[in-house]
């Protein structure tokens, strides 16, 4: 009796740990590629998505056989879609591990339809493929649930199959090709990034990390992810601006100086040409006015070319002629006339 009581007493300490087991944790490191980029396991993402429509939903151990879960909530808007189904399949591999072949757990044809069963004879509604209903998408963004862009356009097979390794490769390759700009369906988790080789894009600063050139997989990052990446991107931006801005400033300053110098020379040259033209114009005008206003002397020609009717020779404008001198001498010899009363 005493030994039985001791056994019961010892097991009492294990009961809380059994009931408090976290089924959102992964069995091995096979899902680290997802966790390092999103910041949580695929099981945790799936659980949070289901809790939008059902606050009491708690993820348990998924069914090892596919489908691992069903969309049986009374309000099925959160799980009645291909995105929730893909997350449940990723969560199954997270709980069970990759397995000996490393390919994870796949689903055969028709598995997606079985997941959508809402009861024994009907499907959940509204059913959407590669998208959420508008209200659920807004709630996903409000809850800061990060859903990779590939869930919206790549991770869906029309016959209801699903492939873990293919889905993993699609996501990781898209991260590399898009430079981690793969969480763009929520504005609250995006920021603008300018690239010389790509147009301006939106990229999450809370979950994304700079891709390594030596590996196609995103960097492994532990919690808290947001503060680490924020510091990393801030440092990179500061270093880039510090190394780029001085060169730009120098080139602009040199160009401005050269432009000012050329403009000044051209301006001074224009002023000099204007002054020269004004000076020459005034000089020509003064010469013209002097030639028009100066009086011309009268002269008497030695050989009169014209005479009046009395035969008297006419005066000309040559003061040095002989006739002019003789006339002056005659006037000097003759006494002035006398006037008598």
C-alpha atoms as a PDB file:
ATOM      1  CA  UNK A   1       0.000   0.000   0.000  1.00  0.00           C
ATOM      2  CA  UNK A   2       2.820   2.358   0.859  1.00  0.00           C
ATOM      3  CA  UNK A   3       4.610   1.677  -2.442  1.00  0.00           C
ATOM      4  CA  UNK A   4       1.395   2.312  -4.381  1.00  0.00           C
ATOM      5  CA  UNK A   5       0.930   5.669  -2.713  1.00  0.00           C
ATOM      6  CA  UNK A   6       4.521   6.595  -3.539  1.00  0.00           C
ATOM      7  CA  UNK A   7       3.979   5.648  -7.170  1.00  0.00           C
ATOM      8  CA  UNK A   8       0.803   7.706  -7.423  1.00  0.00           C
ATOM      9  CA  UNK A   9       2.544  10.612  -5.737  1.00  0.00           C
ATOM     10  CA  UNK A  10       5.420  10.441  -8.223  1.00  0.00           C
ATOM     11  CA  UNK A  11       3.127  10.214 -11.247  1.00  0.00           C
ATOM     12  CA  UNK A  12       1.229  13.255 -10.042  1.00  0.00           C
ATOM     13  CA  UNK A  13       4.228  15.377 -10.975  1.00  0.00           C
ATOM     14  CA  UNK A  14       4.233  13.993 -14.526  1.00  0.00           C
ATOM     15  CA  UNK A  15       0.559  14.644 -15.233  1.00  0.00           C
ATOM     16  CA  UNK A  16       0.946  18.425 -15.786  1.00  0.00           C
ATOM     17  CA  UNK A  17       3.805  17.845 -18.216  1.00  0.00           C
ATOM     18  CA  UNK A  18       1.791  15.282 -20.176  1.00  0.00           C
ATOM     19  CA  UNK A  19      -1.247  17.543 -20.508  1.00  0.00           C
ATOM     20  CA  UNK A  20       0.913  20.591 -21.130  1.00  0.00           C
ATOM     21  CA  UNK A  21       2.846  19.001 -23.999  1.00  0.00           C
ATOM     22  CA  UNK A  22       3.383  21.519 -26.782  1.00  0.00           C
ATOM     23  CA  UNK A  23       2.318  19.956 -30.072  1.00  0.00           C
ATOM     24  CA  UNK A  24       3.421  23.012 -32.019  1.00  0.00           C
ATOM     25  CA  UNK A  25       7.094  22.071 -31.593  1.00  0.00           C
ATOM     26  CA  UNK A  26       8.888  20.049 -34.255  1.00  0.00           C
ATOM     27  CA  UNK A  27      10.346  16.591 -33.730  1.00  0.00           C
ATOM     28  CA  UNK A  28      13.624  17.378 -35.509  1.00  0.00           C
ATOM     29  CA  UNK A  29      15.438  20.154 -37.361  1.00  0.00           C
ATOM     30  CA  UNK A  30      13.820  19.302 -40.691  1.00  0.00           C
ATOM     31  CA  UNK A  31      11.497  22.316 -40.499  1.00  0.00           C
ATOM     32  CA  UNK A  32      14.132  24.836 -39.458  1.00  0.00           C
ATOM     33  CA  UNK A  33      14.067  26.360 -42.964  1.00  0.00           C
ATOM     34  CA  UNK A  34      10.476  27.453 -42.244  1.00  0.00           C
ATOM     35  CA  UNK A  35      10.982  28.473 -38.622  1.00  0.00           C
ATOM     36  CA  UNK A  36      14.060  30.590 -39.335  1.00  0.00           C
ATOM     37  CA  UNK A  37      12.216  32.654 -41.929  1.00  0.00           C
ATOM     38  CA  UNK A  38       8.701  32.935 -40.460  1.00  0.00           C
ATOM     39  CA  UNK A  39       9.766  33.050 -36.818  1.00  0.00           C
ATOM     40  CA  UNK A  40       7.578  30.149 -35.665  1.00  0.00           C
ATOM     41  CA  UNK A  41       6.930  26.520 -36.596  1.00  0.00           C
ATOM     42  CA  UNK A  42       4.335  25.633 -39.242  1.00  0.00           C
ATOM     43  CA  UNK A  43       2.285  23.991 -36.470  1.00  0.00           C
ATOM     44  CA  UNK A  44       2.152  27.253 -34.536  1.00  0.00           C
ATOM     45  CA  UNK A  45       1.132  29.159 -37.681  1.00  0.00           C
ATOM     46  CA  UNK A  46      -1.639  26.619 -38.341  1.00  0.00           C
ATOM     47  CA  UNK A  47      -2.889  26.814 -34.746  1.00  0.00           C
ATOM     48  CA  UNK A  48      -3.001  30.624 -34.737  1.00  0.00           C
ATOM     49  CA  UNK A  49      -4.870  30.639 -38.047  1.00  0.00           C
ATOM     50  CA  UNK A  50      -7.541  28.265 -36.707  1.00  0.00           C
ATOM     51  CA  UNK A  51      -7.869  30.335 -33.508  1.00  0.00           C
ATOM     52  CA  UNK A  52      -9.071  33.364 -35.496  1.00  0.00           C
ATOM     53  CA  UNK A  53     -12.396  31.587 -36.071  1.00  0.00           C
ATOM     54  CA  UNK A  54     -12.290  29.331 -33.003  1.00  0.00           C
ATOM     55  CA  UNK A  55     -10.605  30.892 -29.998  1.00  0.00           C
ATOM     56  CA  UNK A  56     -10.659  27.582 -28.085  1.00  0.00           C
ATOM     57  CA  UNK A  57      -8.848  25.644 -30.782  1.00  0.00           C
ATOM     58  CA  UNK A  58      -5.704  23.944 -29.461  1.00  0.00           C
ATOM     59  CA  UNK A  59      -3.505  21.898 -31.742  1.00  0.00           C
ATOM     60  CA  UNK A  60      -3.085  18.315 -30.681  1.00  0.00           C
ATOM     61  CA  UNK A  61      -1.164  15.438 -32.154  1.00  0.00           C
ATOM     62  CA  UNK A  62      -2.156  15.239 -35.809  1.00  0.00           C
ATOM     63  CA  UNK A  63      -3.246  12.030 -37.462  1.00  0.00           C
ATOM     64  CA  UNK A  64      -0.194  10.329 -39.018  1.00  0.00           C
ATOM     65  CA  UNK A  65      -2.459   9.244 -41.870  1.00  0.00           C
ATOM     66  CA  UNK A  66      -3.566  11.893 -44.312  1.00  0.00           C
ATOM     67  CA  UNK A  67      -5.403  14.129 -44.039  1.00  0.00           C
ATOM     68  CA  UNK A  68      -3.832  15.013 -40.704  1.00  0.00           C
ATOM     69  CA  UNK A  69      -6.799  17.178 -39.678  1.00  0.00           C
ATOM     70  CA  UNK A  70     -10.238  18.241 -40.905  1.00  0.00           C
ATOM     71  CA  UNK A  71     -11.944  21.617 -41.138  1.00  0.00           C
ATOM     72  CA  UNK A  72     -14.747  20.849 -38.708  1.00  0.00           C
ATOM     73  CA  UNK A  73     -15.186  24.201 -36.942  1.00  0.00           C
ATOM     74  CA  UNK A  74     -18.658  25.713 -36.853  1.00  0.00           C
ATOM     75  CA  UNK A  75     -17.230  28.853 -38.449  1.00  0.00           C
ATOM     76  CA  UNK A  76     -15.018  27.294 -41.101  1.00  0.00           C
ATOM     77  CA  UNK A  77     -13.818  30.428 -42.916  1.00  0.00           C
ATOM     78  CA  UNK A  78     -10.300  30.133 -41.463  1.00  0.00           C
ATOM     79  CA  UNK A  79      -9.641  26.503 -42.383  1.00  0.00           C
ATOM     80  CA  UNK A  80     -11.811  25.921 -45.463  1.00  0.00           C
ATOM     81  CA  UNK A  81      -9.058  26.763 -47.943  1.00  0.00           C
ATOM     82  CA  UNK A  82      -5.939  25.317 -49.543  1.00  0.00           C
ATOM     83  CA  UNK A  83      -3.623  27.511 -47.429  1.00  0.00           C
ATOM     84  CA  UNK A  84      -4.800  25.975 -44.150  1.00  0.00           C
ATOM     85  CA  UNK A  85      -4.572  22.486 -45.691  1.00  0.00           C
ATOM     86  CA  UNK A  86      -0.960  23.096 -46.790  1.00  0.00           C
ATOM     87  CA  UNK A  87      -0.064  24.343 -43.300  1.00  0.00           C
ATOM     88  CA  UNK A  88      -1.600  21.225 -41.740  1.00  0.00           C
ATOM     89  CA  UNK A  89       0.529  19.030 -44.022  1.00  0.00           C
ATOM     90  CA  UNK A  90       3.678  20.963 -43.095  1.00  0.00           C
ATOM     91  CA  UNK A  91       2.716  20.651 -39.438  1.00  0.00           C
ATOM     92  CA  UNK A  92       2.397  16.869 -39.819  1.00  0.00           C
ATOM     93  CA  UNK A  93       5.996  16.614 -41.039  1.00  0.00           C
ATOM     94  CA  UNK A  94       7.025  18.985 -38.235  1.00  0.00           C
ATOM     95  CA  UNK A  95       5.472  16.677 -35.600  1.00  0.00           C
ATOM     96  CA  UNK A  96       6.579  13.394 -37.189  1.00  0.00           C
ATOM     97  CA  UNK A  97       9.977  14.475 -38.534  1.00  0.00           C
ATOM     98  CA  UNK A  98      11.381  14.269 -42.041  1.00  0.00           C
ATOM     99  CA  UNK A  99      11.750  10.518 -41.932  1.00  0.00           C
ATOM    100  CA  UNK A 100      14.656   8.374 -43.124  1.00  0.00           C
ATOM    101  CA  UNK A 101      14.447   9.561 -46.732  1.00  0.00           C
ATOM    102  CA  UNK A 102      14.312  13.256 -45.801  1.00  0.00           C
ATOM    103  CA  UNK A 103      11.327  13.918 -48.067  1.00  0.00           C
ATOM    104  CA  UNK A 104       8.725  14.525 -45.370  1.00  0.00           C
ATOM    105  CA  UNK A 105       5.112  13.334 -45.572  1.00  0.00           C
ATOM    106  CA  UNK A 106       3.149  13.646 -48.819  1.00  0.00           C
ATOM    107  CA  UNK A 107      -0.587  13.332 -49.507  1.00  0.00           C
ATOM    108  CA  UNK A 108      -2.259  11.314 -52.234  1.00  0.00           C
ATOM    109  CA  UNK A 109      -4.993  12.339 -54.640  1.00  0.00           C
ATOM    110  CA  UNK A 110      -8.243  13.421 -52.992  1.00  0.00           C
ATOM    111  CA  UNK A 111      -6.670  14.237 -49.617  1.00  0.00           C
ATOM    112  CA  UNK A 112      -7.568  17.919 -49.875  1.00  0.00           C
ATOM    113  CA  UNK A 113     -11.253  17.050 -50.400  1.00  0.00           C
ATOM    114  CA  UNK A 114     -11.222  14.842 -47.297  1.00  0.00           C
ATOM    115  CA  UNK A 115      -9.747  17.723 -45.288  1.00  0.00           C
ATOM    116  CA  UNK A 116     -12.653  19.955 -46.370  1.00  0.00           C
ATOM    117  CA  UNK A 117     -15.307  17.511 -45.115  1.00  0.00           C
ATOM    118  CA  UNK A 118     -17.602  19.306 -42.683  1.00  0.00           C
ATOM    119  CA  UNK A 119     -19.385  16.320 -41.245  1.00  0.00           C
ATOM    120  CA  UNK A 120     -19.954  13.058 -43.051  1.00  0.00           C
ATOM    121  CA  UNK A 121     -21.816  14.216 -46.151  1.00  0.00           C
ATOM    122  CA  UNK A 122     -20.941  17.873 -46.785  1.00  0.00           C
ATOM    123  CA  UNK A 123     -18.013  20.174 -47.391  1.00  0.00           C
ATOM    124  CA  UNK A 124     -17.132  23.267 -45.417  1.00  0.00           C
ATOM    125  CA  UNK A 125     -18.037  26.662 -46.833  1.00  0.00           C
ATOM    126  CA  UNK A 126     -16.921  29.096 -48.096  1.00  0.00           C
ATOM    127  CA  UNK A 127     -14.183  27.122 -49.821  1.00  0.00           C
ATOM    128  CA  UNK A 128     -11.338  29.116 -51.404  1.00  0.00           C
ATOM    129  CA  UNK A 129      -8.191  27.952 -53.132  1.00  0.00           C
ATOM    130  CA  UNK A 130      -4.889  29.855 -52.876  1.00  0.00           C
ATOM    131  CA  UNK A 131      -6.550  32.651 -50.912  1.00  0.00           C
ATOM    132  CA  UNK A 132      -8.476  33.592 -47.782  1.00  0.00           C
ATOM    133  CA  UNK A 133     -11.888  35.237 -47.662  1.00  0.00           C
ATOM    134  CA  UNK A 134     -11.443  38.996 -47.495  1.00  0.00           C
ATOM    135  CA  UNK A 135     -12.388  39.227 -43.829  1.00  0.00           C
ATOM    136  CA  UNK A 136     -10.058  36.384 -42.845  1.00  0.00           C
ATOM    137  CA  UNK A 137      -7.143  37.935 -44.758  1.00  0.00           C
ATOM    138  CA  UNK A 138      -7.629  41.156 -42.797  1.00  0.00           C
ATOM    139  CA  UNK A 139      -7.758  39.194 -39.525  1.00  0.00           C
ATOM    140  CA  UNK A 140      -4.562  37.334 -40.467  1.00  0.00           C
ATOM    141  CA  UNK A 141      -2.784  40.652 -40.941  1.00  0.00           C
ATOM    142  CA  UNK A 142      -4.188  42.047 -37.685  1.00  0.00           C
ATOM    143  CA  UNK A 143      -2.914  38.976 -35.816  1.00  0.00           C
ATOM    144  CA  UNK A 144       0.508  39.355 -37.462  1.00  0.00           C
ATOM    145  CA  UNK A 145       0.344  35.826 -38.878  1.00  0.00           C
ATOM    146  CA  UNK A 146       2.961  35.533 -41.600  1.00  0.00           C
ATOM    147  CA  UNK A 147       1.856  33.525 -44.626  1.00  0.00           C
ATOM    148  CA  UNK A 148       4.442  33.012 -47.372  1.00  0.00           C
ATOM    149  CA  UNK A 149       3.451  34.276 -50.828  1.00  0.00           C
ATOM    150  CA  UNK A 150       3.880  30.783 -52.305  1.00  0.00           C
ATOM    151  CA  UNK A 151       0.793  29.606 -50.397  1.00  0.00           C
ATOM    152  CA  UNK A 152      -1.210  32.058 -52.504  1.00  0.00           C
ATOM    153  CA  UNK A 153       0.010  30.997 -55.943  1.00  0.00           C
ATOM    154  CA  UNK A 154       2.119  27.811 -55.973  1.00  0.00           C
ATOM    155  CA  UNK A 155       1.336  25.289 -53.222  1.00  0.00           C
ATOM    156  CA  UNK A 156      -1.876  23.851 -54.610  1.00  0.00           C
ATOM    157  CA  UNK A 157      -2.562  20.742 -56.704  1.00  0.00           C
ATOM    158  CA  UNK A 158      -5.947  20.409 -58.347  1.00  0.00           C
ATOM    159  CA  UNK A 159      -6.234  16.648 -57.750  1.00  0.00           C
ATOM    160  CA  UNK A 160      -5.944  17.094 -53.986  1.00  0.00           C
ATOM    161  CA  UNK A 161      -2.349  15.840 -53.663  1.00  0.00           C
ATOM    162  CA  UNK A 162       0.372  17.586 -51.717  1.00  0.00           C
ATOM    163  CA  UNK A 163       4.172  17.194 -51.698  1.00  0.00           C
ATOM    164  CA  UNK A 164       6.387  18.319 -48.828  1.00  0.00           C
ATOM    165  CA  UNK A 165       9.793  18.397 -50.555  1.00  0.00           C
ATOM    166  CA  UNK A 166       8.392  20.191 -53.605  1.00  0.00           C
ATOM    167  CA  UNK A 167       6.678  22.784 -51.415  1.00  0.00           C
ATOM    168  CA  UNK A 168       9.854  23.335 -49.394  1.00  0.00           C
ATOM    169  CA  UNK A 169      11.928  23.819 -52.555  1.00  0.00           C
ATOM    170  CA  UNK A 170       9.404  26.249 -54.032  1.00  0.00           C
ATOM    171  CA  UNK A 171       9.412  28.401 -50.887  1.00  0.00           C
ATOM    172  CA  UNK A 172      13.192  28.482 -50.412  1.00  0.00           C
ATOM    173  CA  UNK A 173      13.898  29.159 -54.083  1.00  0.00           C
ATOM    174  CA  UNK A 174      11.332  31.951 -54.118  1.00  0.00           C
ATOM    175  CA  UNK A 175      12.997  33.500 -51.072  1.00  0.00           C
ATOM    176  CA  UNK A 176      16.300  33.623 -52.942  1.00  0.00           C
ATOM    177  CA  UNK A 177      14.919  34.878 -56.264  1.00  0.00           C
ATOM    178  CA  UNK A 178      12.749  37.523 -54.596  1.00  0.00           C
ATOM    179  CA  UNK A 179      15.403  38.491 -52.019  1.00  0.00           C
ATOM    180  CA  UNK A 180      13.104  37.510 -49.139  1.00  0.00           C
ATOM    181  CA  UNK A 181      10.351  39.758 -50.505  1.00  0.00           C
ATOM    182  CA  UNK A 182       7.840  36.941 -50.042  1.00  0.00           C
ATOM    183  CA  UNK A 183       5.512  38.109 -47.244  1.00  0.00           C
ATOM    184  CA  UNK A 184       3.712  40.892 -49.055  1.00  0.00           C
ATOM    185  CA  UNK A 185       0.035  40.183 -48.388  1.00  0.00           C
ATOM    186  CA  UNK A 186      -0.016  42.255 -45.169  1.00  0.00           C
ATOM    187  CA  UNK A 187       0.934  45.917 -45.238  1.00  0.00           C
ATOM    188  CA  UNK A 188       1.816  45.884 -41.531  1.00  0.00           C
ATOM    189  CA  UNK A 189       4.799  43.586 -42.164  1.00  0.00           C
ATOM    190  CA  UNK A 190       6.253  45.307 -45.217  1.00  0.00           C
ATOM    191  CA  UNK A 191       8.637  48.122 -45.937  1.00  0.00           C
ATOM    192  CA  UNK A 192       9.924  49.649 -49.169  1.00  0.00           C
ATOM    193  CA  UNK A 193      13.317  48.570 -50.507  1.00  0.00           C
ATOM    194  CA  UNK A 194      15.033  50.031 -53.589  1.00  0.00           C
ATOM    195  CA  UNK A 195      17.302  47.856 -55.643  1.00  0.00           C
ATOM    196  CA  UNK A 196      19.421  48.729 -58.690  1.00  0.00           C
ATOM    197  CA  UNK A 197      18.442  45.524 -60.478  1.00  0.00           C
ATOM    198  CA  UNK A 198      14.799  45.248 -59.387  1.00  0.00           C
ATOM    199  CA  UNK A 199      11.881  47.649 -59.040  1.00  0.00           C
ATOM    200  CA  UNK A 200      10.897  48.920 -55.673  1.00  0.00           C
ATOM    201  CA  UNK A 201       9.404  46.143 -53.579  1.00  0.00           C
ATOM    202  CA  UNK A 202       7.785  45.586 -50.203  1.00  0.00           C
ATOM    203  CA  UNK A 203       9.605  43.298 -47.795  1.00  0.00           C
ATOM    204  CA  UNK A 204       8.957  42.413 -44.198  1.00  0.00           C
ATOM    205  CA  UNK A 205      11.447  43.833 -41.720  1.00  0.00           C
ATOM    206  CA  UNK A 206      10.154  41.650 -38.907  1.00  0.00           C
ATOM    207  CA  UNK A 207      10.692  38.233 -40.388  1.00  0.00           C
ATOM    208  CA  UNK A 208      13.125  38.450 -43.289  1.00  0.00           C
ATOM    209  CA  UNK A 209      16.896  38.167 -43.074  1.00  0.00           C
ATOM    210  CA  UNK A 210      19.507  39.004 -45.733  1.00  0.00           C
ATOM    211  CA  UNK A 211      20.071  35.874 -47.883  1.00  0.00           C
ATOM    212  CA  UNK A 212      23.427  34.166 -47.718  1.00  0.00           C
ATOM    213  CA  UNK A 213      25.261  34.007 -51.040  1.00  0.00           C
ATOM    214  CA  UNK A 214      26.712  30.595 -50.202  1.00  0.00           C
ATOM    215  CA  UNK A 215      23.393  28.826 -49.550  1.00  0.00           C
ATOM    216  CA  UNK A 216      19.882  28.997 -51.018  1.00  0.00           C
ATOM    217  CA  UNK A 217      18.293  28.638 -47.588  1.00  0.00           C
ATOM    218  CA  UNK A 218      17.446  31.605 -45.358  1.00  0.00           C
ATOM    219  CA  UNK A 219      19.568  32.269 -42.294  1.00  0.00           C
ATOM    220  CA  UNK A 220      18.740  30.417 -39.104  1.00  0.00           C
ATOM    221  CA  UNK A 221      17.582  32.868 -36.501  1.00  0.00           C
ATOM    222  CA  UNK A 222      16.338  32.289 -32.980  1.00  0.00           C
ATOM    223  CA  UNK A 223      13.771  34.309 -31.070  1.00  0.00           C
ATOM    224  CA  UNK A 224      13.380  37.238 -30.769  1.00  0.00           C
ATOM    225  CA  UNK A 225      13.688  37.514 -34.540  1.00  0.00           C
ATOM    226  CA  UNK A 226      12.313  41.001 -35.112  1.00  0.00           C
ATOM    227  CA  UNK A 227      14.860  42.881 -32.993  1.00  0.00           C
ATOM    228  CA  UNK A 228      17.787  40.984 -34.497  1.00  0.00           C
ATOM    229  CA  UNK A 229      16.760  41.639 -38.072  1.00  0.00           C
ATOM    230  CA  UNK A 230      15.851  45.244 -37.407  1.00  0.00           C
ATOM    231  CA  UNK A 231      19.355  45.888 -36.078  1.00  0.00           C
ATOM    232  CA  UNK A 232      20.910  44.007 -39.003  1.00  0.00           C
ATOM    233  CA  UNK A 233      19.013  45.940 -41.645  1.00  0.00           C
ATOM    234  CA  UNK A 234      19.594  49.257 -39.854  1.00  0.00           C
ATOM    235  CA  UNK A 235      23.347  48.601 -39.744  1.00  0.00           C
ATOM    236  CA  UNK A 236      23.406  47.612 -43.393  1.00  0.00           C
ATOM    237  CA  UNK A 237      21.435  50.695 -44.396  1.00  0.00           C
ATOM    238  CA  UNK A 238      23.725  52.946 -42.344  1.00  0.00           C
ATOM    239  CA  UNK A 239      26.844  51.415 -43.870  1.00  0.00           C
ATOM    240  CA  UNK A 240      25.428  51.749 -47.370  1.00  0.00           C
ATOM    241  CA  UNK A 241      24.444  55.369 -46.899  1.00  0.00           C
ATOM    242  CA  UNK A 242      27.781  56.213 -45.279  1.00  0.00           C
ATOM    243  CA  UNK A 243      29.761  54.747 -48.164  1.00  0.00           C
ATOM    244  CA  UNK A 244      27.557  56.149 -50.922  1.00  0.00           C
ATOM    245  CA  UNK A 245      26.560  59.650 -49.912  1.00  0.00           C
ATOM    246  CA  UNK A 246      30.046  61.232 -49.673  1.00  0.00           C
ATOM    247  CA  UNK A 247      30.882  60.292 -53.266  1.00  0.00           C
ATOM    248  CA  UNK A 248      27.617  61.704 -54.496  1.00  0.00           C
ATOM    249  CA  UNK A 249      28.181  64.941 -52.585  1.00  0.00           C
ATOM    250  CA  UNK A 250      31.691  65.359 -54.009  1.00  0.00           C
ATOM    251  CA  UNK A 251      30.586  64.772 -57.578  1.00  0.00           C
ATOM    252  CA  UNK A 252      27.714  67.229 -57.217  1.00  0.00           C
ATOM    253  CA  UNK A 253      29.965  69.883 -55.697  1.00  0.00           C
ATOM    254  CA  UNK A 254      32.535  69.596 -58.491  1.00  0.00           C
ATOM    255  CA  UNK A 255      29.821  69.793 -61.126  1.00  0.00           C
ATOM    256  CA  UNK A 256      28.276  72.835 -59.472  1.00  0.00           C
ATOM    257  CA  UNK A 257      31.643  74.633 -59.300  1.00  0.00           C
ATOM    258  CA  UNK A 258      32.370  73.897 -62.951  1.00  0.00           C
ATOM    259  CA  UNK A 259      28.943  75.152 -63.980  1.00  0.00           C
ATOM    260  CA  UNK A 260      29.340  78.360 -61.973  1.00  0.00           C
ATOM    261  CA  UNK A 261      32.799  79.003 -63.473  1.00  0.00           C
ATOM    262  CA  UNK A 262      31.624  78.502 -67.053  1.00  0.00           C
ATOM    263  CA  UNK A 263      28.542  80.611 -66.463  1.00  0.00           C
ATOM    264  CA  UNK A 264      30.586  83.436 -64.914  1.00  0.00           C
ATOM    265  CA  UNK A 265      33.040  83.494 -67.825  1.00  0.00           C
ATOM    266  CA  UNK A 266      30.207  83.549 -70.338  1.00  0.00           C
ATOM    267  CA  UNK A 267      28.457  86.359 -68.431  1.00  0.00           C
ATOM    268  CA  UNK A 268      31.606  88.505 -68.225  1.00  0.00           C
ATOM    269  CA  UNK A 269      32.335  87.910 -71.908  1.00  0.00           C
ATOM    270  CA  UNK A 270      28.836  89.030 -72.833  1.00  0.00           C
ATOM    271  CA  UNK A 271      29.226  92.199 -70.753  1.00  0.00           C
ATOM    272  CA  UNK A 272      32.610  92.967 -72.403  1.00  0.00           C
ATOM    273  CA  UNK A 273      31.183  92.540 -75.911  1.00  0.00           C
ATOM    274  CA  UNK A 274      28.255  94.792 -75.012  1.00  0.00           C
ATOM    275  CA  UNK A 275      30.564  97.536 -73.708  1.00  0.00           C
ATOM    276  CA  UNK A 276      32.771  97.358 -76.830  1.00  0.00           C
ATOM    277  CA  UNK A 277      29.741  97.623 -79.087  1.00  0.00           C
ATOM    278  CA  UNK A 278      28.337 100.601 -77.136  1.00  0.00           C
ATOM    279  CA  UNK A 279      31.701 102.399 -77.240  1.00  0.00           C
ATOM    280  CA  UNK A 280      32.138 101.924 -80.979  1.00  0.00           C
ATOM    281  CA  UNK A 281      28.525 102.894 -81.632  1.00  0.00           C
ATOM    282  CA  UNK A 282      28.822 106.150 -79.664  1.00  0.00           C
ATOM    283  CA  UNK A 283      32.103 106.993 -81.385  1.00  0.00           C
ATOM    284  CA  UNK A 284      30.658 106.500 -84.852  1.00  0.00           C
ATOM    285  CA  UNK A 285      27.627 108.558 -83.918  1.00  0.00           C
ATOM    286  CA  UNK A 286      29.805 111.426 -82.582  1.00  0.00           C
ATOM    287  CA  UNK A 287      31.911 111.465 -85.769  1.00  0.00           C
ATOM    288  CA  UNK A 288      28.777 111.601 -87.879  1.00  0.00           C
ATOM    289  CA  UNK A 289      27.335 114.521 -85.893  1.00  0.00           C
ATOM    290  CA  UNK A 290      30.649 116.489 -86.107  1.00  0.00           C
ATOM    291  CA  UNK A 291      30.860 116.064 -89.865  1.00  0.00           C
ATOM    292  CA  UNK A 292      27.299 117.277 -90.306  1.00  0.00           C
ATOM    293  CA  UNK A 293      27.523 120.384 -88.024  1.00  0.00           C
ATOM    294  CA  UNK A 294      31.051 121.816 -88.809  1.00  0.00           C
ATOM    295  CA  UNK A 295      30.986 124.973 -91.180  1.00  0.00           C
ATOM    296  CA  UNK A 296      32.665 124.870 -94.577  1.00  0.00           C
ATOM    297  CA  UNK A 297      34.784 127.960 -95.633  1.00  0.00           C
ATOM    298  CA  UNK A 298      34.076 129.846 -98.902  1.00  0.00           C
ATOM    299  CA  UNK A 299      36.900 130.133-101.416  1.00  0.00           C
ATOM    300  CA  UNK A 300      37.504 132.083-104.626  1.00  0.00           C
ATOM    301  CA  UNK A 301      38.645 130.032-107.510  1.00  0.00           C
ATOM    302  CA  UNK A 302      41.635 131.212-109.611  1.00  0.00           C
ATOM    303  CA  UNK A 303      39.748 130.444-112.751  1.00  0.00           C
ATOM    304  CA  UNK A 304      36.151 131.270-112.303  1.00  0.00           C
ATOM    305  CA  UNK A 305      34.002 128.546-113.659  1.00  0.00           C
ATOM    306  CA  UNK A 306      30.815 130.501-113.329  1.00  0.00           C
ATOM    307  CA  UNK A 307      29.923 134.197-113.703  1.00  0.00           C
ATOM    308  CA  UNK A 308      26.897 136.280-113.218  1.00  0.00           C
ATOM    309  CA  UNK A 309      25.196 138.262-115.878  1.00  0.00           C
ATOM    310  CA  UNK A 310      27.594 141.213-115.369  1.00  0.00           C
ATOM    311  CA  UNK A 311      30.642 139.072-115.951  1.00  0.00           C
ATOM    312  CA  UNK A 312      31.810 139.314-112.333  1.00  0.00           C
ATOM    313  CA  UNK A 313      33.559 136.148-111.166  1.00  0.00           C
ATOM    314  CA  UNK A 314      31.848 134.222-108.323  1.00  0.00           C
ATOM    315  CA  UNK A 315      33.542 133.309-105.055  1.00  0.00           C
ATOM    316  CA  UNK A 316      34.482 129.788-104.299  1.00  0.00           C
ATOM    317  CA  UNK A 317      35.558 128.065-101.074  1.00  0.00           C
ATOM    318  CA  UNK A 318      39.347 128.150-101.603  1.00  0.00           C
ATOM    319  CA  UNK A 319      40.806 130.809 -99.300  1.00  0.00           C
ATOM    320  CA  UNK A 320      44.345 130.189-100.603  1.00  0.00           C
ATOM    321  CA  UNK A 321      43.574 131.035-104.250  1.00  0.00           C
ATOM    322  CA  UNK A 322      45.165 134.073-105.935  1.00  0.00           C
ATOM    323  CA  UNK A 323      41.885 135.852-106.607  1.00  0.00           C
ATOM    324  CA  UNK A 324      41.012 135.727-102.964  1.00  0.00           C
ATOM    325  CA  UNK A 325      44.334 137.279-101.941  1.00  0.00           C
ATOM    326  CA  UNK A 326      44.103 140.074-104.562  1.00  0.00           C
ATOM    327  CA  UNK A 327      40.624 140.990-103.372  1.00  0.00           C
ATOM    328  CA  UNK A 328      41.824 141.268 -99.803  1.00  0.00           C
ATOM    329  CA  UNK A 329      44.776 143.463-100.769  1.00  0.00           C
ATOM    330  CA  UNK A 330      42.530 145.793-102.779  1.00  0.00           C
ATOM    331  CA  UNK A 331      40.196 146.229 -99.840  1.00  0.00           C
ATOM    332  CA  UNK A 332      43.131 147.098 -97.594  1.00  0.00           C
ATOM    333  CA  UNK A 333      44.507 149.796-100.011  1.00  0.00           C
ATOM    334  CA  UNK A 334      41.238 151.601-100.579  1.00  0.00           C
ATOM    335  CA  UNK A 335      40.381 154.204 -97.931  1.00  0.00           C
ATOM    336  CA  UNK A 336      37.102 153.830 -96.178  1.00  0.00           C
ATOM    337  CA  UNK A 337      34.233 155.835 -97.701  1.00  0.00           C
ATOM    338  CA  UNK A 338      33.508 159.262 -96.303  1.00  0.00           C
ATOM    339  CA  UNK A 339      30.075 160.464 -95.543  1.00  0.00           C
ATOM    340  CA  UNK A 340      29.212 164.181 -95.892  1.00  0.00           C
ATOM    341  CA  UNK A 341      26.245 165.968 -94.614  1.00  0.00           C
END
